[in-house]
PDB file of N, CA and C in Angstrom:
ATOM      1  N   MET A   1       0.850  -1.165   0.033  1.00  0.00           N
ATOM      2  CA  MET A   1       0.060   0.035  -0.015  1.00  0.00           C
ATOM      3  C   MET A   1       0.879   1.258  -0.021  1.00  0.00           C
ATOM      4  N   PHE A   2       1.898   1.147   0.875  1.00  0.00           N
ATOM      5  CA  PHE A   2       2.831   2.419   0.852  1.00  0.00           C
ATOM      6  C   PHE A   2       3.414   2.699  -0.467  1.00  0.00           C
ATOM      7  N   LEU A   3       3.838   1.650  -1.134  1.00  0.00           N
ATOM      8  CA  LEU A   3       4.577   1.881  -2.425  1.00  0.00           C
ATOM      9  C   LEU A   3       3.543   2.465  -3.445  1.00  0.00           C
ATOM     10  N   HIS A   4       2.349   2.052  -3.454  1.00  0.00           N
ATOM     11  CA  HIS A   4       1.385   2.666  -4.381  1.00  0.00           C
ATOM     12  C   HIS A   4       1.182   4.118  -4.042  1.00  0.00           C
ATOM     13  N   ASP A   5       1.101   4.534  -2.817  1.00  0.00           N
ATOM     14  CA  ASP A   5       0.874   5.916  -2.441  1.00  0.00           C
ATOM     15  C   ASP A   5       2.065   6.774  -2.884  1.00  0.00           C
ATOM     16  N   ARG A   6       3.299   6.212  -2.534  1.00  0.00           N
ATOM     17  CA  ARG A   6       4.486   6.797  -2.975  1.00  0.00           C
ATOM     18  C   ARG A   6       4.539   7.063  -4.560  1.00  0.00           C
ATOM     19  N   GLY A   7       4.205   5.901  -5.240  1.00  0.00           N
ATOM     20  CA  GLY A   7       4.127   6.067  -6.738  1.00  0.00           C
ATOM     21  C   GLY A   7       3.299   7.167  -7.174  1.00  0.00           C
ATOM     22  N   ASN A   8       2.029   7.212  -6.599  1.00  0.00           N
ATOM     23  CA  ASN A   8       1.150   8.266  -6.982  1.00  0.00           C
ATOM     24  C   ASN A   8       1.635   9.641  -6.653  1.00  0.00           C
ATOM     25  N   ALA A   9       2.332   9.761  -5.567  1.00  0.00           N
ATOM     26  CA  ALA A   9       2.853  11.045  -5.179  1.00  0.00           C
ATOM     27  C   ALA A   9       3.914  11.536  -6.170  1.00  0.00           C
ATOM     28  N   ILE A  10       4.780  10.585  -6.610  1.00  0.00           N
ATOM     29  CA  ILE A  10       5.826  10.849  -7.606  1.00  0.00           C
ATOM     30  C   ILE A  10       5.208  11.330  -8.888  1.00  0.00           C
ATOM     31  N   LEU A  11       4.147  10.538  -9.252  1.00  0.00           N
ATOM     32  CA  LEU A  11       3.511  10.818 -10.630  1.00  0.00           C
ATOM     33  C   LEU A  11       2.826  12.174 -10.488  1.00  0.00           C
ATOM     34  N   LYS A  12       2.214  12.547  -9.398  1.00  0.00           N
ATOM     35  CA  LYS A  12       1.586  13.853  -9.289  1.00  0.00           C
ATOM     36  C   LYS A  12       2.693  14.983  -9.322  1.00  0.00           C
ATOM     37  N   ALA A  13       3.848  14.758  -8.685  1.00  0.00           N
ATOM     38  CA  ALA A  13       4.804  15.825  -8.656  1.00  0.00           C
ATOM     39  C   ALA A  13       5.426  15.998 -10.037  1.00  0.00           C
ATOM     40  N   ARG A  14       5.498  14.948 -10.837  1.00  0.00           N
ATOM     41  CA  ARG A  14       6.023  15.077 -12.249  1.00  0.00           C
ATOM     42  C   ARG A  14       5.068  15.824 -13.086  1.00  0.00           C
ATOM     43  N   GLN A  15       3.732  15.481 -12.819  1.00  0.00           N
ATOM     44  CA  GLN A  15       2.703  16.230 -13.727  1.00  0.00           C
ATOM     45  C   GLN A  15       2.738  17.763 -13.374  1.00  0.00           C
ATOM     46  N   GLU A  16       2.842  17.944 -12.055  1.00  0.00           N
ATOM     47  CA  GLU A  16       2.818  19.300 -11.537  1.00  0.00           C
ATOM     48  C   GLU A  16       4.106  20.136 -12.121  1.00  0.00           C
ATOM     49  N   GLY A  17       5.287  19.431 -12.082  1.00  0.00           N
ATOM     50  CA  GLY A  17       6.408  19.998 -12.575  1.00  0.00           C
ATOM     51  C   GLY A  17       6.324  20.228 -14.075  1.00  0.00           C
ATOM     52  N   ARG A  18       5.798  19.304 -14.879  1.00  0.00           N
ATOM     53  CA  ARG A  18       5.582  19.623 -16.310  1.00  0.00           C
ATOM     54  C   ARG A  18       4.691  20.782 -16.554  1.00  0.00           C
ATOM     55  N   GLN A  19       3.551  20.840 -15.699  1.00  0.00           N
ATOM     56  CA  GLN A  19       2.626  21.954 -15.996  1.00  0.00           C
ATOM     57  C   GLN A  19       3.244  23.212 -15.622  1.00  0.00           C
ATOM     58  N   GLU A  20       4.150  23.342 -14.586  1.00  0.00           N
ATOM     59  CA  GLU A  20       4.772  24.485 -14.262  1.00  0.00           C
ATOM     60  C   GLU A  20       5.819  24.829 -15.222  1.00  0.00           C
ATOM     61  N   GLY A  21       6.511  23.999 -15.720  1.00  0.00           N
ATOM     62  CA  GLY A  21       7.477  24.228 -16.805  1.00  0.00           C
ATOM     63  C   GLY A  21       6.818  24.735 -18.092  1.00  0.00           C
ATOM     64  N   LEU A  22       5.680  24.195 -18.430  1.00  0.00           N
ATOM     65  CA  LEU A  22       4.937  24.591 -19.593  1.00  0.00           C
ATOM     66  C   LEU A  22       4.515  25.933 -19.420  1.00  0.00           C
ATOM     67  N   GLN A  23       3.984  26.330 -18.195  1.00  0.00           N
ATOM     68  CA  GLN A  23       3.439  27.677 -17.985  1.00  0.00           C
ATOM     69  C   GLN A  23       4.551  28.773 -17.980  1.00  0.00           C
ATOM     70  N   GLN A  24       5.683  28.298 -17.480  1.00  0.00           N
ATOM     71  CA  GLN A  24       6.945  29.290 -17.506  1.00  0.00           C
ATOM     72  C   GLN A  24       7.279  29.514 -18.910  1.00  0.00           C
ATOM     73  N   GLY A  25       7.325  28.410 -19.794  1.00  0.00           N
ATOM     74  CA  GLY A  25       7.637  28.571 -21.206  1.00  0.00           C
ATOM     75  C   GLY A  25       6.708  29.361 -21.992  1.00  0.00           C
ATOM     76  N   LEU A  26       5.369  29.320 -21.615  1.00  0.00           N
ATOM     77  CA  LEU A  26       4.331  30.089 -22.306  1.00  0.00           C
ATOM     78  C   LEU A  26       4.579  31.561 -21.878  1.00  0.00           C
ATOM     79  N   GLN A  27       4.788  31.888 -20.736  1.00  0.00           N
ATOM     80  CA  GLN A  27       5.018  33.219 -20.303  1.00  0.00           C
ATOM     81  C   GLN A  27       6.230  33.792 -20.747  1.00  0.00           C
ATOM     82  N   GLU A  28       7.389  33.033 -20.994  1.00  0.00           N
ATOM     83  CA  GLU A  28       8.474  33.529 -21.559  1.00  0.00           C
ATOM     84  C   GLU A  28       8.386  33.870 -23.108  1.00  0.00           C
ATOM     85  N   GLY A  29       7.608  33.004 -23.668  1.00  0.00           N
ATOM     86  CA  GLY A  29       7.317  33.186 -25.115  1.00  0.00           C
ATOM     87  C   GLY A  29       6.480  34.473 -25.335  1.00  0.00           C
ATOM     88  N   ASP A  30       5.512  34.650 -24.475  1.00  0.00           N
ATOM     89  CA  ASP A  30       4.677  35.929 -24.533  1.00  0.00           C
ATOM     90  C   ASP A  30       5.614  37.006 -24.297  1.00  0.00           C
ATOM     91  N   ARG A  31       6.507  37.038 -23.350  1.00  0.00           N
ATOM     92  CA  ARG A  31       7.281  38.186 -23.073  1.00  0.00           C
ATOM     93  C   ARG A  31       8.343  38.511 -24.264  1.00  0.00           C
ATOM     94  N   GLN A  32       8.690  37.403 -24.833  1.00  0.00           N
ATOM     95  CA  GLN A  32       9.715  37.558 -26.047  1.00  0.00           C
ATOM     96  C   GLN A  32       8.886  38.241 -27.270  1.00  0.00           C
ATOM     97  N   ALA A  33       7.604  37.777 -27.364  1.00  0.00           N
ATOM     98  CA  ALA A  33       6.773  38.431 -28.428  1.00  0.00           C
ATOM     99  C   ALA A  33       6.444  39.819 -28.301  1.00  0.00           C
ATOM    100  N   ARG A  34       6.289  40.212 -26.945  1.00  0.00           N
ATOM    101  CA  ARG A  34       6.100  41.686 -26.605  1.00  0.00           C
ATOM    102  C   ARG A  34       7.306  42.469 -26.791  1.00  0.00           C
ATOM    103  N   MET A  35       8.479  41.916 -26.510  1.00  0.00           N
ATOM    104  CA  MET A  35       9.659  42.493 -26.660  1.00  0.00           C
ATOM    105  C   MET A  35      10.053  42.687 -28.201  1.00  0.00           C
ATOM    106  N   ALA A  36       9.584  41.808 -29.067  1.00  0.00           N
ATOM    107  CA  ALA A  36       9.710  41.829 -30.514  1.00  0.00           C
ATOM    108  C   ALA A  36       8.916  43.025 -31.077  1.00  0.00           C
ATOM    109  N   ILE A  37       7.647  43.054 -30.633  1.00  0.00           N
ATOM    110  CA  ILE A  37       6.671  44.178 -30.990  1.00  0.00           C
ATOM    111  C   ILE A  37       7.202  45.508 -30.585  1.00  0.00           C
ATOM    112  N   ALA A  38       7.729  45.586 -29.379  1.00  0.00           N
ATOM    113  CA  ALA A  38       8.319  46.896 -28.870  1.00  0.00           C
ATOM    114  C   ALA A  38       9.531  47.305 -29.686  1.00  0.00           C
ATOM    115  N   ARG A  39      10.358  46.398 -30.030  1.00  0.00           N
ATOM    116  CA  ARG A  39      11.615  46.641 -30.779  1.00  0.00           C
ATOM    117  C   ARG A  39      11.165  47.219 -32.268  1.00  0.00           C
ATOM    118  N   GLU A  40      10.101  46.620 -32.789  1.00  0.00           N
ATOM    119  CA  GLU A  40       9.647  47.059 -34.165  1.00  0.00           C
ATOM    120  C   GLU A  40       9.071  48.583 -34.086  1.00  0.00           C
ATOM    121  N   LEU A  41       8.461  48.908 -32.974  1.00  0.00           N
ATOM    122  CA  LEU A  41       7.869  50.168 -32.739  1.00  0.00           C
ATOM    123  C   LEU A  41       8.581  51.190 -32.102  1.00  0.00           C
ATOM    124  N   LEU A  42       9.881  50.891 -31.724  1.00  0.00           N
ATOM    125  CA  LEU A  42      10.620  51.948 -31.035  1.00  0.00           C
ATOM    126  C   LEU A  42      10.777  53.261 -31.655  1.00  0.00           C
ATOM    127  N   GLU A  43      10.828  53.223 -32.924  1.00  0.00           N
ATOM    128  CA  GLU A  43      11.081  54.586 -33.826  1.00  0.00           C
ATOM    129  C   GLU A  43       9.722  55.290 -33.988  1.00  0.00           C
ATOM    130  N   VAL A  44       8.632  54.574 -33.752  1.00  0.00           N
ATOM    131  CA  VAL A  44       7.391  55.099 -34.141  1.00  0.00           C
ATOM    132  C   VAL A  44       6.567  55.686 -32.869  1.00  0.00           C
ATOM    133  N   LEU A  45       6.765  54.992 -31.604  1.00  0.00           N
ATOM    134  CA  LEU A  45       5.960  55.332 -30.502  1.00  0.00           C
ATOM    135  C   LEU A  45       6.784  55.745 -29.392  1.00  0.00           C
ATOM    136  N   ASP A  46       6.220  56.600 -28.563  1.00  0.00           N
ATOM    137  CA  ASP A  46       7.015  56.918 -27.304  1.00  0.00           C
ATOM    138  C   ASP A  46       7.065  55.863 -26.245  1.00  0.00           C
ATOM    139  N   LEU A  47       7.902  55.967 -25.372  1.00  0.00           N
ATOM    140  CA  LEU A  47       8.148  54.934 -24.287  1.00  0.00           C
ATOM    141  C   LEU A  47       6.892  54.680 -23.507  1.00  0.00           C
ATOM    142  N   GLU A  48       6.093  55.670 -23.229  1.00  0.00           N
ATOM    143  CA  GLU A  48       4.896  55.529 -22.384  1.00  0.00           C
ATOM    144  C   GLU A  48       3.913  54.624 -23.069  1.00  0.00           C
ATOM    145  N   THR A  49       3.726  54.991 -24.352  1.00  0.00           N
ATOM    146  CA  THR A  49       2.721  54.329 -25.138  1.00  0.00           C
ATOM    147  C   THR A  49       3.179  52.798 -25.405  1.00  0.00           C
ATOM    148  N   LEU A  50       4.428  52.616 -25.642  1.00  0.00           N
ATOM    149  CA  LEU A  50       5.012  51.281 -25.792  1.00  0.00           C
ATOM    150  C   LEU A  50       4.736  50.438 -24.467  1.00  0.00           C
ATOM    151  N   SER A  51       4.948  51.093 -23.419  1.00  0.00           N
ATOM    152  CA  SER A  51       4.812  50.441 -22.134  1.00  0.00           C
ATOM    153  C   SER A  51       3.348  50.115 -21.897  1.00  0.00           C
ATOM    154  N   GLN A  52       2.515  50.917 -22.197  1.00  0.00           N
ATOM    155  CA  GLN A  52       1.122  50.725 -21.920  1.00  0.00           C
ATOM    156  C   GLN A  52       0.524  49.587 -22.901  1.00  0.00           C
ATOM    157  N   LYS A  53       0.952  49.579 -24.073  1.00  0.00           N
ATOM    158  CA  LYS A  53       0.448  48.594 -25.125  1.00  0.00           C
ATOM    159  C   LYS A  53       1.040  47.297 -25.116  1.00  0.00           C
ATOM    160  N   THR A  54       2.318  47.232 -24.582  1.00  0.00           N
ATOM    161  CA  THR A  54       2.954  45.858 -24.567  1.00  0.00           C
ATOM    162  C   THR A  54       3.028  45.262 -23.096  1.00  0.00           C
ATOM    163  N   GLY A  55       2.854  46.171 -22.138  1.00  0.00           N
ATOM    164  CA  GLY A  55       2.848  45.542 -20.765  1.00  0.00           C
ATOM    165  C   GLY A  55       4.225  45.478 -20.281  1.00  0.00           C
ATOM    166  N   LEU A  56       5.251  45.980 -21.027  1.00  0.00           N
ATOM    167  CA  LEU A  56       6.649  46.034 -20.653  1.00  0.00           C
ATOM    168  C   LEU A  56       6.895  47.222 -19.845  1.00  0.00           C
ATOM    169  N   SER A  57       7.858  47.185 -18.931  1.00  0.00           N
ATOM    170  CA  SER A  57       8.233  48.383 -18.187  1.00  0.00           C
ATOM    171  C   SER A  57       8.981  49.312 -19.088  1.00  0.00           C
ATOM    172  N   ILE A  58       9.063  50.561 -18.786  1.00  0.00           N
ATOM    173  CA  ILE A  58       9.841  51.587 -19.507  1.00  0.00           C
ATOM    174  C   ILE A  58      11.344  51.248 -19.512  1.00  0.00           C
ATOM    175  N   GLU A  59      11.833  50.629 -18.385  1.00  0.00           N
ATOM    176  CA  GLU A  59      13.256  50.228 -18.310  1.00  0.00           C
ATOM    177  C   GLU A  59      13.511  49.162 -19.301  1.00  0.00           C
ATOM    178  N   GLU A  60      12.550  48.149 -19.427  1.00  0.00           N
ATOM    179  CA  GLU A  60      12.728  47.005 -20.341  1.00  0.00           C
ATOM    180  C   GLU A  60      12.921  47.705 -21.817  1.00  0.00           C
ATOM    181  N   ILE A  61      11.952  48.518 -22.094  1.00  0.00           N
ATOM    182  CA  ILE A  61      11.893  49.137 -23.466  1.00  0.00           C
ATOM    183  C   ILE A  61      13.275  49.974 -23.710  1.00  0.00           C
ATOM    184  N   GLN A  62      13.648  50.768 -22.782  1.00  0.00           N
ATOM    185  CA  GLN A  62      14.943  51.334 -22.816  1.00  0.00           C
ATOM    186  C   GLN A  62      16.132  50.495 -23.098  1.00  0.00           C
ATOM    187  N   GLN A  63      16.096  49.351 -22.504  1.00  0.00           N
ATOM    188  CA  GLN A  63      17.186  48.373 -22.775  1.00  0.00           C
ATOM    189  C   GLN A  63      17.136  47.907 -24.257  1.00  0.00           C
ATOM    190  N   LEU A  64      16.060  47.947 -24.867  1.00  0.00           N
ATOM    191  CA  LEU A  64      15.941  47.483 -26.276  1.00  0.00           C
ATOM    192  C   LEU A  64      16.749  48.537 -27.167  1.00  0.00           C
ATOM    193  N   ARG A  65      16.858  49.799 -26.728  1.00  0.00           N
ATOM    194  CA  ARG A  65      17.451  50.840 -27.523  1.00  0.00           C
ATOM    195  C   ARG A  65      18.979  50.681 -27.430  1.00  0.00           C
ATOM    196  N   ALA A  66      19.550  50.038 -26.415  1.00  0.00           N
ATOM    197  CA  ALA A  66      20.924  49.962 -26.142  1.00  0.00           C
ATOM    198  C   ALA A  66      21.571  48.937 -27.148  1.00  0.00           C
TER     199      ALA A  66
END
């Protein structure tokens, strides 16, 4: 009985780890897409507007100019 519970706990931990990793990957992909959009619009929009529309901080957008 104990081994069965332990096996289920390990399986659950693996599933949770995969889900967490997938979520982190999606978030990073979303951030990279927002950075690419901001990079394309750097010469057209001001920092405030870029920040509002992309959700990036002004500091992150300024780093794109460097």
